[in-house]
N, C-alpha and C. Protein backbone atom coordinates (compact mmCIF):
# COMPACT_ATOMS: atom_id res chain seq x y z
N UNK A 1 0.85 -1.15 -0.01
CA UNK A 1 0.01 0.01 0.01
C UNK A 1 0.90 1.23 0.02
N UNK A 2 0.65 2.21 -0.93
CA UNK A 2 1.39 3.44 -0.98
C UNK A 2 1.05 4.34 0.16
N UNK A 3 2.02 5.20 0.56
CA UNK A 3 1.73 6.17 1.65
C UNK A 3 0.56 6.99 1.40
N UNK A 4 0.35 7.45 0.19
CA UNK A 4 -0.77 8.31 -0.08
C UNK A 4 -2.14 7.64 0.24
N UNK A 5 -2.17 6.31 0.18
CA UNK A 5 -3.40 5.60 0.38
C UNK A 5 -3.83 5.71 1.85
N UNK A 6 -2.90 6.16 2.76
CA UNK A 6 -3.20 6.33 4.16
C UNK A 6 -3.78 7.75 4.43
N UNK A 7 -3.68 8.60 3.39
CA UNK A 7 -3.99 10.00 3.61
C UNK A 7 -5.46 10.13 3.19
N UNK A 8 -6.28 10.55 4.24
CA UNK A 8 -7.74 10.66 4.05
C UNK A 8 -8.07 11.73 2.94
N UNK A 9 -7.39 12.82 3.00
CA UNK A 9 -7.68 13.93 2.09
C UNK A 9 -7.39 13.45 0.63
N UNK A 10 -6.29 12.78 0.38
CA UNK A 10 -5.90 12.36 -0.93
C UNK A 10 -6.90 11.33 -1.38
N UNK A 11 -7.63 10.73 -0.55
CA UNK A 11 -8.72 9.72 -0.91
C UNK A 11 -10.09 10.33 -0.99
N UNK A 12 -10.23 11.71 -0.96
CA UNK A 12 -11.45 12.35 -1.11
C UNK A 12 -12.17 12.84 0.16
N UNK A 13 -11.48 12.65 1.35
CA UNK A 13 -12.16 13.13 2.59
C UNK A 13 -12.00 14.67 2.59
N UNK A 14 -12.89 15.28 3.33
CA UNK A 14 -12.82 16.76 3.61
C UNK A 14 -12.65 16.96 5.08
N UNK A 15 -11.81 18.00 5.35
CA UNK A 15 -11.48 18.32 6.72
C UNK A 15 -12.10 19.65 7.07
N UNK A 16 -12.88 19.69 8.21
CA UNK A 16 -13.49 20.96 8.62
C UNK A 16 -12.88 21.27 9.96
N UNK A 17 -11.91 22.15 10.02
CA UNK A 17 -11.30 22.59 11.27
C UNK A 17 -12.20 23.63 11.96
N UNK A 18 -12.01 23.83 13.23
CA UNK A 18 -12.76 24.79 14.07
C UNK A 18 -14.28 24.45 13.95
N UNK A 19 -14.59 23.18 13.86
CA UNK A 19 -15.98 22.75 13.64
C UNK A 19 -16.36 21.79 14.74
N UNK A 20 -17.45 21.97 15.47
CA UNK A 20 -17.86 21.02 16.46
C UNK A 20 -19.02 20.26 16.07
N UNK A 21 -19.11 19.02 16.56
CA UNK A 21 -20.34 18.21 16.33
C UNK A 21 -21.24 18.50 17.51
N UNK A 22 -22.42 19.02 17.17
CA UNK A 22 -23.39 19.46 18.17
C UNK A 22 -24.43 18.31 18.54
N UNK A 23 -24.59 17.40 17.55
CA UNK A 23 -25.57 16.38 17.79
C UNK A 23 -25.29 15.23 16.87
N UNK A 24 -25.45 14.01 17.35
CA UNK A 24 -25.31 12.82 16.50
C UNK A 24 -26.37 11.81 16.98
N UNK A 25 -26.86 11.10 15.96
CA UNK A 25 -27.81 10.07 16.20
C UNK A 25 -27.49 8.81 15.46
N UNK A 26 -27.73 7.69 16.01
CA UNK A 26 -27.50 6.42 15.41
C UNK A 26 -28.81 5.69 15.09
N UNK A 27 -28.99 5.37 13.83
CA UNK A 27 -30.25 4.74 13.41
C UNK A 27 -30.08 4.06 12.06
N UNK A 28 -30.75 2.91 11.96
CA UNK A 28 -30.80 2.17 10.68
C UNK A 28 -29.36 1.88 10.14
N UNK A 29 -28.47 1.51 11.04
CA UNK A 29 -27.12 1.11 10.59
C UNK A 29 -26.23 2.24 10.13
N UNK A 30 -26.53 3.44 10.54
CA UNK A 30 -25.65 4.62 10.17
C UNK A 30 -25.67 5.64 11.29
N UNK A 31 -24.86 6.61 11.18
CA UNK A 31 -24.75 7.69 12.19
C UNK A 31 -24.86 9.01 11.41
N UNK A 32 -25.65 9.95 12.03
CA UNK A 32 -25.83 11.27 11.43
C UNK A 32 -25.23 12.26 12.39
N UNK A 33 -24.38 13.13 11.89
CA UNK A 33 -23.58 14.11 12.69
C UNK A 33 -23.97 15.47 12.18
N UNK A 34 -24.48 16.31 13.17
CA UNK A 34 -24.79 17.69 12.86
C UNK A 34 -23.70 18.62 13.47
N UNK A 35 -23.24 19.55 12.68
CA UNK A 35 -22.15 20.49 13.15
C UNK A 35 -22.64 21.83 13.44
N UNK A 36 -21.86 22.62 14.06
CA UNK A 36 -22.21 24.01 14.38
C UNK A 36 -21.98 24.97 13.22
N UNK A 37 -21.35 24.48 12.14
CA UNK A 37 -21.06 25.39 11.01
C UNK A 37 -21.74 25.00 9.77
N UNK A 38 -22.68 24.07 9.89
CA UNK A 38 -23.54 23.80 8.68
C UNK A 38 -23.41 22.37 8.15
N UNK A 39 -22.21 21.88 7.83
CA UNK A 39 -22.03 20.55 7.27
C UNK A 39 -22.77 19.51 8.10
N UNK A 40 -23.44 18.62 7.38
CA UNK A 40 -24.17 17.45 8.02
C UNK A 40 -23.55 16.15 7.38
N UNK A 41 -23.16 15.27 8.26
CA UNK A 41 -22.42 14.12 7.82
C UNK A 41 -23.26 12.85 8.09
N UNK A 42 -23.44 12.03 7.07
CA UNK A 42 -24.04 10.72 7.24
C UNK A 42 -23.00 9.68 6.89
N UNK A 43 -22.79 8.75 7.82
CA UNK A 43 -21.73 7.73 7.63
C UNK A 43 -22.21 6.37 8.18
N UNK A 44 -21.54 5.33 7.72
CA UNK A 44 -21.86 3.98 8.32
C UNK A 44 -21.34 3.88 9.75
N UNK A 45 -20.15 4.51 9.92
CA UNK A 45 -19.49 4.41 11.27
C UNK A 45 -18.98 5.80 11.64
N UNK A 46 -18.92 6.08 12.94
CA UNK A 46 -18.20 7.24 13.43
C UNK A 46 -17.32 6.80 14.50
N UNK A 47 -16.08 7.31 14.54
CA UNK A 47 -15.15 6.95 15.54
C UNK A 47 -15.00 8.11 16.55
N UNK A 48 -15.26 7.80 17.82
CA UNK A 48 -15.25 8.78 18.92
C UNK A 48 -13.99 8.65 19.77
N UNK A 49 -13.14 9.63 19.75
CA UNK A 49 -11.83 9.57 20.44
C UNK A 49 -11.64 10.84 21.22
N UNK A 50 -12.55 11.06 22.07
CA UNK A 50 -12.51 12.38 22.81
C UNK A 50 -12.16 12.26 24.30
N UNK A 51 -11.36 11.19 24.61
CA UNK A 51 -10.83 11.03 26.00
C UNK A 51 -11.93 10.96 27.03
N UNK A 52 -11.54 11.42 28.22
CA UNK A 52 -12.50 11.13 29.37
C UNK A 52 -13.81 11.98 29.22
N UNK A 53 -13.85 12.97 28.29
CA UNK A 53 -15.15 13.63 28.06
C UNK A 53 -16.18 12.72 27.46
N UNK A 54 -15.72 11.58 26.86
CA UNK A 54 -16.68 10.65 26.31
C UNK A 54 -17.63 10.07 27.35
N UNK A 55 -17.15 10.17 28.66
CA UNK A 55 -18.10 9.57 29.71
C UNK A 55 -19.41 10.31 29.71
N UNK A 56 -19.43 11.54 29.33
CA UNK A 56 -20.69 12.28 29.38
C UNK A 56 -21.66 11.77 28.36
N UNK A 57 -21.19 10.99 27.35
CA UNK A 57 -22.08 10.40 26.34
C UNK A 57 -22.61 9.02 26.75
N UNK A 58 -21.98 8.38 27.71
CA UNK A 58 -22.25 7.00 28.00
C UNK A 58 -22.95 6.87 29.40
N UNK A 59 -23.96 6.04 29.49
CA UNK A 59 -24.62 5.70 30.75
C UNK A 59 -23.67 4.77 31.52
N UNK A 60 -22.97 3.88 30.85
CA UNK A 60 -22.07 2.92 31.54
C UNK A 60 -20.89 3.71 32.11
N UNK A 61 -20.62 3.43 33.39
CA UNK A 61 -19.48 4.10 34.04
C UNK A 61 -18.20 3.34 33.65
N UNK A 62 -17.29 4.03 32.90
CA UNK A 62 -16.12 3.29 32.44
C UNK A 62 -14.83 3.98 32.92
N UNK A 63 -14.86 5.24 33.51
CA UNK A 63 -13.66 5.88 33.89
C UNK A 63 -13.79 6.67 35.20
N UNK A 64 -12.76 6.66 35.99
CA UNK A 64 -12.69 7.49 37.18
C UNK A 64 -11.70 8.65 36.90
N UNK A 65 -12.01 9.88 37.21
CA UNK A 65 -11.13 10.98 36.98
C UNK A 65 -10.40 11.40 38.27
N UNK A 66 -9.08 11.61 38.04
CA UNK A 66 -8.24 12.07 39.15
C UNK A 66 -7.37 13.24 38.65
N UNK A 67 -6.94 14.09 39.64
CA UNK A 67 -5.94 15.15 39.35
C UNK A 67 -4.59 14.69 39.63
N UNK A 68 -3.59 15.19 38.94
CA UNK A 68 -2.19 14.98 39.32
C UNK A 68 -1.49 16.33 39.31
N UNK A 69 -0.36 16.35 39.95
CA UNK A 69 0.38 17.67 40.09
C UNK A 69 1.83 17.52 39.85
N UNK A 70 2.48 18.47 39.30
CA UNK A 70 3.92 18.32 39.02
C UNK A 70 4.58 19.70 39.17
N UNK A 71 5.95 19.67 39.32
CA UNK A 71 6.69 20.91 39.31
C UNK A 71 8.13 20.62 38.79
N UNK A 72 8.71 21.71 38.32
CA UNK A 72 10.20 21.59 37.84
C UNK A 72 10.89 22.87 38.44
N UNK A 73 12.17 22.74 38.79
CA UNK A 73 12.98 23.87 39.23
C UNK A 73 13.74 24.43 38.05
N UNK A 74 14.52 25.41 38.33
CA UNK A 74 15.48 25.95 37.35
C UNK A 74 16.51 24.89 37.10
N UNK A 75 17.24 24.97 35.93
CA UNK A 75 18.27 23.92 35.67
C UNK A 75 19.24 23.82 36.87
N UNK A 76 19.66 22.57 37.09
CA UNK A 76 20.45 22.24 38.30
C UNK A 76 21.93 21.97 37.79
N UNK A 77 22.92 22.56 38.45
CA UNK A 77 24.30 22.34 38.12
C UNK A 77 24.87 21.06 38.63
N UNK A 78 24.41 20.67 39.84
CA UNK A 78 25.04 19.50 40.48
C UNK A 78 23.93 18.67 41.11
N UNK A 79 23.81 17.43 40.63
CA UNK A 79 22.78 16.48 41.16
C UNK A 79 23.28 15.68 42.32
N UNK A 80 24.51 15.87 42.71
CA UNK A 80 25.07 15.16 43.91
C UNK A 80 25.12 13.62 43.58
N UNK A 81 24.58 12.89 44.45
CA UNK A 81 24.62 11.43 44.34
C UNK A 81 23.58 10.91 43.36
N UNK A 82 22.68 11.73 42.90
CA UNK A 82 21.60 11.28 42.06
C UNK A 82 22.09 11.31 40.54
N UNK A 83 21.97 10.24 39.86
CA UNK A 83 22.45 10.16 38.49
C UNK A 83 21.35 10.64 37.53
N UNK A 84 21.71 11.48 36.52
CA UNK A 84 20.77 12.00 35.58
C UNK A 84 19.92 10.93 34.84
N UNK A 85 20.44 9.73 34.68
CA UNK A 85 19.73 8.70 33.96
C UNK A 85 18.86 7.85 34.88
N UNK A 86 18.80 8.16 36.19
CA UNK A 86 17.91 7.37 37.13
C UNK A 86 16.52 7.97 36.99
N UNK A 87 15.55 7.08 37.31
CA UNK A 87 14.09 7.44 37.39
C UNK A 87 13.48 6.77 38.54
N UNK A 88 12.61 7.43 39.23
CA UNK A 88 11.95 6.78 40.41
C UNK A 88 10.44 6.96 40.34
N UNK A 89 9.71 5.98 40.73
CA UNK A 89 8.24 6.00 40.92
C UNK A 89 7.86 5.15 42.12
N UNK A 90 7.30 5.80 43.15
CA UNK A 90 7.01 5.11 44.39
C UNK A 90 5.75 4.26 44.19
N UNK A 91 5.86 3.06 44.82
CA UNK A 91 4.72 2.11 44.78
C UNK A 91 3.81 2.27 46.02
N UNK A 92 3.28 3.44 46.22
CA UNK A 92 2.42 3.77 47.32
C UNK A 92 1.46 4.89 46.92
N UNK A 93 0.50 5.15 47.78
CA UNK A 93 -0.48 6.23 47.52
C UNK A 93 -0.52 7.19 48.79
N UNK A 94 -0.31 8.47 48.51
CA UNK A 94 -0.03 9.08 47.17
C UNK A 94 1.38 8.86 46.78
N UNK A 95 1.66 8.64 45.61
CA UNK A 95 3.05 8.33 45.09
C UNK A 95 3.80 9.62 44.77
N UNK A 96 5.09 9.40 44.61
CA UNK A 96 5.94 10.53 44.10
C UNK A 96 6.80 9.89 42.95
N UNK A 97 6.91 10.59 41.90
CA UNK A 97 7.80 10.20 40.79
C UNK A 97 8.84 11.30 40.57
N UNK A 98 9.96 10.84 40.00
CA UNK A 98 11.09 11.81 39.81
C UNK A 98 11.96 11.34 38.66
N UNK A 99 12.37 12.34 37.82
CA UNK A 99 13.34 12.06 36.80
C UNK A 99 14.05 13.40 36.41
N UNK A 100 15.12 13.31 35.69
CA UNK A 100 15.84 14.50 35.23
C UNK A 100 15.59 14.73 33.71
N UNK A 101 15.29 16.02 33.37
CA UNK A 101 14.99 16.31 31.98
C UNK A 101 16.24 16.56 31.18
N UNK A 102 16.09 16.68 29.90
CA UNK A 102 17.24 16.90 29.01
C UNK A 102 17.93 18.22 29.19
N UNK A 103 17.23 19.20 29.83
CA UNK A 103 17.93 20.46 30.13
C UNK A 103 18.24 20.60 31.61
N UNK A 104 18.46 19.45 32.26
CA UNK A 104 19.04 19.38 33.60
C UNK A 104 18.07 19.99 34.66
N UNK A 105 16.84 19.68 34.46
CA UNK A 105 15.81 20.09 35.49
C UNK A 105 15.32 18.84 36.20
N UNK A 106 14.96 19.01 37.41
CA UNK A 106 14.31 17.95 38.16
C UNK A 106 12.79 17.97 37.87
N UNK A 107 12.27 16.91 37.43
CA UNK A 107 10.88 16.84 37.04
C UNK A 107 10.23 15.85 38.05
N UNK A 108 9.36 16.44 38.95
CA UNK A 108 8.70 15.61 40.01
C UNK A 108 7.24 15.80 40.02
N UNK A 109 6.53 14.85 40.51
CA UNK A 109 5.08 15.00 40.56
C UNK A 109 4.43 13.88 41.38
N UNK A 110 3.09 13.98 41.47
CA UNK A 110 2.33 13.05 42.21
C UNK A 110 1.20 13.70 42.96
N UNK A 111 0.91 13.30 44.22
CA UNK A 111 -0.09 13.85 45.09
C UNK A 111 -1.43 13.89 44.41
N UNK A 112 -1.83 12.84 43.76
CA UNK A 112 -3.08 12.74 43.00
C UNK A 112 -4.25 12.87 44.01
N UNK A 113 -5.36 13.50 43.54
CA UNK A 113 -6.59 13.46 44.26
C UNK A 113 -7.80 13.35 43.34
N UNK A 114 -8.97 13.24 43.92
CA UNK A 114 -10.13 12.91 43.02
C UNK A 114 -10.57 14.27 42.36
N UNK A 115 -10.91 14.17 41.14
CA UNK A 115 -11.37 15.31 40.40
C UNK A 115 -12.74 15.78 40.78
N UNK A 116 -12.93 17.11 41.02
CA UNK A 116 -14.21 17.72 41.28
C UNK A 116 -14.52 18.77 40.22
N UNK A 117 -13.54 19.68 40.04
CA UNK A 117 -13.70 20.72 39.11
C UNK A 117 -12.38 21.30 38.71
N UNK A 118 -12.27 21.92 37.58
CA UNK A 118 -10.97 22.54 37.13
C UNK A 118 -10.59 23.62 38.10
N UNK A 119 -11.67 24.39 38.58
CA UNK A 119 -11.34 25.51 39.57
C UNK A 119 -10.71 25.05 40.86
N UNK A 120 -11.29 23.96 41.42
CA UNK A 120 -10.74 23.43 42.61
C UNK A 120 -9.38 22.82 42.39
N UNK A 121 -9.21 22.14 41.22
CA UNK A 121 -7.92 21.59 40.94
C UNK A 121 -6.84 22.67 40.83
N UNK A 122 -7.09 23.79 40.07
CA UNK A 122 -6.07 24.81 39.93
C UNK A 122 -5.80 25.53 41.25
N UNK A 123 -6.79 25.65 42.08
CA UNK A 123 -6.60 26.31 43.34
C UNK A 123 -5.74 25.45 44.31
N UNK A 124 -5.59 24.20 44.00
CA UNK A 124 -4.81 23.29 44.81
C UNK A 124 -3.29 23.22 44.46
N UNK A 125 -2.91 23.82 43.35
CA UNK A 125 -1.61 23.67 42.69
C UNK A 125 -0.53 24.08 43.69
N UNK A 126 -0.66 25.26 44.31
CA UNK A 126 0.38 25.77 45.20
C UNK A 126 0.67 24.87 46.38
N UNK A 127 -0.42 24.46 47.04
CA UNK A 127 -0.34 23.59 48.21
C UNK A 127 0.28 22.23 47.81
N UNK A 128 -0.13 21.72 46.72
CA UNK A 128 0.38 20.43 46.24
C UNK A 128 1.91 20.55 45.93
N UNK A 129 2.21 21.66 45.27
CA UNK A 129 3.68 21.89 44.92
C UNK A 129 4.52 21.94 46.16
N UNK A 130 4.04 22.56 47.20
CA UNK A 130 4.81 22.61 48.47
C UNK A 130 4.97 21.26 49.08
N UNK A 131 3.98 20.40 49.00
CA UNK A 131 4.08 19.08 49.52
C UNK A 131 5.06 18.29 48.79
N UNK A 132 4.94 18.38 47.37
CA UNK A 132 5.90 17.62 46.56
C UNK A 132 7.27 18.09 46.84
N UNK A 133 7.52 19.40 46.94
CA UNK A 133 8.90 19.91 47.10
C UNK A 133 9.45 19.40 48.48
N UNK A 134 8.60 19.39 49.50
CA UNK A 134 9.03 18.91 50.87
C UNK A 134 9.46 17.43 50.81
N UNK A 135 8.75 16.68 50.04
CA UNK A 135 9.08 15.25 49.93
C UNK A 135 10.39 15.05 49.22
N UNK A 136 10.58 15.81 48.14
CA UNK A 136 11.84 15.69 47.38
C UNK A 136 13.07 16.10 48.24
N UNK A 137 12.91 17.26 48.95
CA UNK A 137 14.01 17.73 49.78
C UNK A 137 14.34 16.73 50.84
N UNK A 138 13.40 16.05 51.41
CA UNK A 138 13.66 14.98 52.41
C UNK A 138 14.35 13.80 51.77
N UNK A 139 13.99 13.47 50.60
CA UNK A 139 14.63 12.37 49.82
C UNK A 139 15.98 12.68 49.37
N UNK A 140 16.19 13.90 48.89
CA UNK A 140 17.50 14.37 48.33
C UNK A 140 17.96 15.59 49.07
N UNK A 141 18.37 15.53 50.37
CA UNK A 141 18.65 16.74 51.13
C UNK A 141 19.82 17.54 50.61
N UNK A 142 20.76 16.90 49.90
CA UNK A 142 21.99 17.63 49.52
C UNK A 142 21.84 18.30 48.14
N UNK A 143 20.80 18.01 47.43
CA UNK A 143 20.61 18.65 46.09
C UNK A 143 20.05 20.07 46.28
N UNK A 144 20.76 20.98 45.65
CA UNK A 144 20.34 22.39 45.71
C UNK A 144 19.48 22.77 44.50
N UNK A 145 18.27 23.26 44.75
CA UNK A 145 17.38 23.51 43.61
C UNK A 145 16.29 24.54 44.09
N UNK A 146 15.74 25.25 43.11
CA UNK A 146 14.66 26.29 43.42
C UNK A 146 13.51 26.05 42.42
N UNK A 147 12.31 25.82 42.94
CA UNK A 147 11.14 25.59 42.09
C UNK A 147 10.88 26.79 41.19
N UNK A 148 10.53 26.41 39.97
CA UNK A 148 10.23 27.48 38.92
C UNK A 148 8.89 27.42 38.41
N UNK A 149 8.38 26.18 38.01
CA UNK A 149 7.06 26.01 37.45
C UNK A 149 6.32 24.94 38.20
N UNK A 150 4.97 25.05 38.30
CA UNK A 150 4.16 24.05 38.86
C UNK A 150 2.82 24.06 38.14
N UNK A 151 2.20 22.89 37.97
CA UNK A 151 0.94 22.81 37.21
C UNK A 151 0.16 21.55 37.57
N UNK A 152 -0.99 21.39 37.09
CA UNK A 152 -1.83 20.26 37.35
C UNK A 152 -2.51 19.81 36.09
N UNK A 153 -3.10 18.61 36.17
CA UNK A 153 -3.80 18.03 35.06
C UNK A 153 -4.74 16.95 35.55
N UNK A 154 -5.75 16.63 34.67
CA UNK A 154 -6.72 15.58 35.03
C UNK A 154 -6.49 14.34 34.15
N UNK A 155 -6.56 13.16 34.70
CA UNK A 155 -6.42 11.97 33.86
C UNK A 155 -7.53 10.99 34.27
N UNK A 156 -7.77 10.02 33.42
CA UNK A 156 -8.79 9.02 33.56
C UNK A 156 -8.13 7.65 33.86
N UNK A 157 -8.74 6.85 34.69
CA UNK A 157 -8.30 5.52 34.94
C UNK A 157 -9.51 4.57 34.95
N UNK A 158 -9.23 3.36 34.44
CA UNK A 158 -10.31 2.38 34.31
C UNK A 158 -10.11 1.27 35.43
N UNK A 159 -11.13 0.43 35.64
CA UNK A 159 -11.00 -0.61 36.65
C UNK A 159 -9.87 -1.61 36.51
N UNK A 160 -9.49 -1.87 35.26
CA UNK A 160 -8.36 -2.82 35.00
C UNK A 160 -7.19 -2.18 34.37
N UNK A 161 -7.18 -0.85 34.20
CA UNK A 161 -6.07 -0.11 33.63
C UNK A 161 -6.04 -0.23 32.07
N UNK A 162 -6.98 -0.92 31.47
CA UNK A 162 -7.00 -1.04 30.02
C UNK A 162 -7.93 0.00 29.35
N UNK A 163 -7.72 0.19 28.12
CA UNK A 163 -8.50 1.11 27.30
C UNK A 163 -9.83 0.54 26.93
N UNK A 164 -10.73 1.30 26.42
CA UNK A 164 -12.02 0.91 25.88
C UNK A 164 -11.93 1.21 24.39
N UNK A 165 -11.95 0.10 23.57
CA UNK A 165 -11.83 0.18 22.14
C UNK A 165 -12.91 -0.58 21.50
N UNK A 166 -13.70 0.00 20.65
CA UNK A 166 -14.72 -0.75 19.87
C UNK A 166 -16.16 -0.22 20.09
N UNK A 167 -17.13 -0.97 19.77
CA UNK A 167 -18.53 -0.51 19.84
C UNK A 167 -19.03 -0.52 21.27
N UNK A 168 -19.96 0.44 21.58
CA UNK A 168 -20.67 0.36 22.81
C UNK A 168 -22.18 0.01 22.50
N UNK A 169 -22.72 -0.81 23.30
CA UNK A 169 -24.14 -1.12 23.10
C UNK A 169 -25.09 0.04 22.99
N UNK A 170 -24.63 1.21 23.57
CA UNK A 170 -25.48 2.40 23.53
C UNK A 170 -25.36 3.07 22.22
N UNK A 171 -24.44 2.92 21.44
CA UNK A 171 -24.23 3.58 20.11
C UNK A 171 -23.78 2.56 19.09
N UNK A 172 -24.67 1.84 18.51
CA UNK A 172 -24.32 0.67 17.62
C UNK A 172 -23.57 1.07 16.43
N UNK A 173 -23.63 2.31 15.91
CA UNK A 173 -22.97 2.72 14.69
C UNK A 173 -21.66 3.45 15.02
N UNK A 174 -21.20 3.46 16.24
CA UNK A 174 -19.97 4.22 16.63
C UNK A 174 -18.97 3.26 17.19
N UNK A 175 -17.73 3.62 16.98
CA UNK A 175 -16.54 2.91 17.50
C UNK A 175 -15.83 3.85 18.36
N UNK A 176 -15.47 3.41 19.61
CA UNK A 176 -14.77 4.33 20.49
C UNK A 176 -13.30 3.95 20.61
N UNK A 177 -12.49 4.94 20.76
CA UNK A 177 -11.01 4.73 21.00
C UNK A 177 -10.71 5.59 22.24
N UNK A 178 -10.79 5.01 23.38
CA UNK A 178 -10.61 5.68 24.66
C UNK A 178 -9.43 5.05 25.41
N UNK A 179 -8.22 5.68 25.20
CA UNK A 179 -7.05 5.16 25.83
C UNK A 179 -6.72 5.88 27.10
N UNK A 180 -7.41 5.51 28.18
CA UNK A 180 -7.24 6.22 29.52
C UNK A 180 -5.93 5.80 30.19
N UNK A 181 -5.56 6.58 31.13
CA UNK A 181 -4.41 6.29 31.97
C UNK A 181 -3.07 6.69 31.36
N UNK A 182 -1.93 6.25 32.04
CA UNK A 182 -0.66 6.62 31.62
C UNK A 182 -0.13 5.96 30.41
N UNK A 183 -0.88 4.92 29.91
CA UNK A 183 -0.52 4.23 28.72
C UNK A 183 -1.32 4.63 27.49
N UNK A 184 -1.84 5.84 27.50
CA UNK A 184 -2.84 6.15 26.38
C UNK A 184 -2.08 6.24 25.02
N UNK A 185 -0.78 6.56 24.99
CA UNK A 185 -0.09 6.64 23.75
C UNK A 185 -0.06 5.21 23.09
N UNK A 186 0.25 4.25 24.01
CA UNK A 186 0.31 2.89 23.47
C UNK A 186 -1.11 2.34 23.01
N UNK A 187 -2.05 2.76 23.89
CA UNK A 187 -3.44 2.27 23.58
C UNK A 187 -3.89 2.90 22.25
N UNK A 188 -3.51 4.11 21.99
CA UNK A 188 -4.04 4.72 20.73
C UNK A 188 -3.48 4.05 19.49
N UNK A 189 -2.21 3.55 19.69
CA UNK A 189 -1.70 2.84 18.52
C UNK A 189 -2.33 1.51 18.36
N UNK A 190 -2.71 0.81 19.45
CA UNK A 190 -3.49 -0.41 19.41
C UNK A 190 -4.82 -0.15 18.83
N UNK A 191 -5.49 0.97 19.27
CA UNK A 191 -6.77 1.28 18.81
C UNK A 191 -6.83 1.47 17.25
N UNK A 192 -5.78 2.14 16.73
CA UNK A 192 -5.78 2.40 15.31
C UNK A 192 -5.81 1.06 14.55
N UNK A 193 -5.17 0.06 14.99
CA UNK A 193 -5.12 -1.20 14.34
C UNK A 193 -6.47 -1.93 14.51
N UNK A 194 -6.99 -1.94 15.78
CA UNK A 194 -8.15 -2.72 16.02
C UNK A 194 -9.43 -2.03 15.33
N UNK A 195 -9.51 -0.77 15.34
CA UNK A 195 -10.66 -0.12 14.71
C UNK A 195 -10.60 -0.27 13.17
N UNK A 196 -9.38 -0.22 12.62
CA UNK A 196 -9.26 -0.48 11.17
C UNK A 196 -9.81 -1.82 10.87
N UNK A 197 -9.51 -2.86 11.69
CA UNK A 197 -10.12 -4.17 11.47
C UNK A 197 -11.61 -4.17 11.64
N UNK A 198 -12.14 -3.46 12.67
CA UNK A 198 -13.51 -3.46 12.94
C UNK A 198 -14.32 -2.82 11.77
N UNK A 199 -13.78 -1.71 11.22
CA UNK A 199 -14.51 -1.04 10.15
C UNK A 199 -14.58 -1.94 8.92
N UNK A 200 -13.59 -2.78 8.72
CA UNK A 200 -13.59 -3.72 7.59
C UNK A 200 -14.32 -5.03 7.91
N UNK A 201 -14.84 -5.23 9.20
CA UNK A 201 -15.56 -6.39 9.50
C UNK A 201 -14.67 -7.58 9.88
N UNK A 202 -13.37 -7.29 10.21
CA UNK A 202 -12.44 -8.31 10.59
C UNK A 202 -12.49 -8.51 12.11
N UNK A 203 -12.62 -9.73 12.53
CA UNK A 203 -12.71 -10.08 13.97
C UNK A 203 -11.35 -10.55 14.44
N UNK A 204 -10.87 -9.98 15.56
CA UNK A 204 -9.57 -10.39 16.13
C UNK A 204 -9.78 -10.70 17.68
N UNK A 205 -9.05 -11.63 18.14
CA UNK A 205 -9.12 -12.03 19.55
C UNK A 205 -8.72 -10.89 20.49
N UNK A 206 -7.76 -10.03 20.01
CA UNK A 206 -7.26 -8.98 20.83
C UNK A 206 -8.39 -7.97 21.13
N UNK A 207 -9.38 -7.86 20.34
CA UNK A 207 -10.39 -6.81 20.53
C UNK A 207 -11.20 -7.20 21.79
N UNK A 208 -11.27 -8.41 22.20
CA UNK A 208 -11.94 -8.83 23.40
C UNK A 208 -11.36 -8.22 24.65
N UNK A 209 -10.05 -7.88 24.64
CA UNK A 209 -9.49 -7.31 25.78
C UNK A 209 -9.93 -5.91 26.18
N UNK A 210 -10.51 -5.20 25.14
CA UNK A 210 -10.87 -3.80 25.32
C UNK A 210 -12.35 -3.55 25.10
N UNK A 211 -13.22 -4.60 25.12
CA UNK A 211 -14.60 -4.40 24.85
C UNK A 211 -15.30 -3.75 26.01
N UNK A 212 -16.53 -3.24 25.79
CA UNK A 212 -17.34 -2.54 26.75
C UNK A 212 -18.03 -3.49 27.68
N UNK A 213 -18.40 -4.62 27.31
CA UNK A 213 -19.31 -5.49 28.07
C UNK A 213 -18.51 -6.49 28.94
N UNK A 214 -17.46 -6.04 29.60
CA UNK A 214 -16.73 -6.91 30.46
C UNK A 214 -16.57 -6.37 31.85
């Protein structure tokens, strides 16, 4: 297969950027998508890959949302006894992880908590950063560093740590690619292969690992 055959536009597809799908319905073996800028799309299948926001579409509870926090200091001249190629992730809750970036910064994070709202999450950044800093200084008391940036983010986790890939009984004409958790990059690669098979009607044993009804 030539590279151009993987390009949707070269095969006749149209791309509408800055366009939102405001409504979609599944009926009679097809899906109808209505957008906020006029175009209306009718297709045999629609692929939904909108991350944890997809939970708002589903009655089935598939993901739990948590917040995580991180900080980095200014570049560090001397790491002391800590080697730049070392990485640490604690096997406890709340955990602490630590690694060195390519520009000689200490990248640390953790202190996860349950998601409630973005406002509450952002208001917790300073306190969480202080807690993370305190833990790192206790762990590496001889390393000299000064915090420079701190931030937060929300991530989704499933009951078994696996993604949800494929059809949901709630939307028979849709295929979902929901790679939650810290392995979402890997799951998205798996989803691209599995969904390609599903669209062509090819059944694989691997698809059973990610189905909705388990």
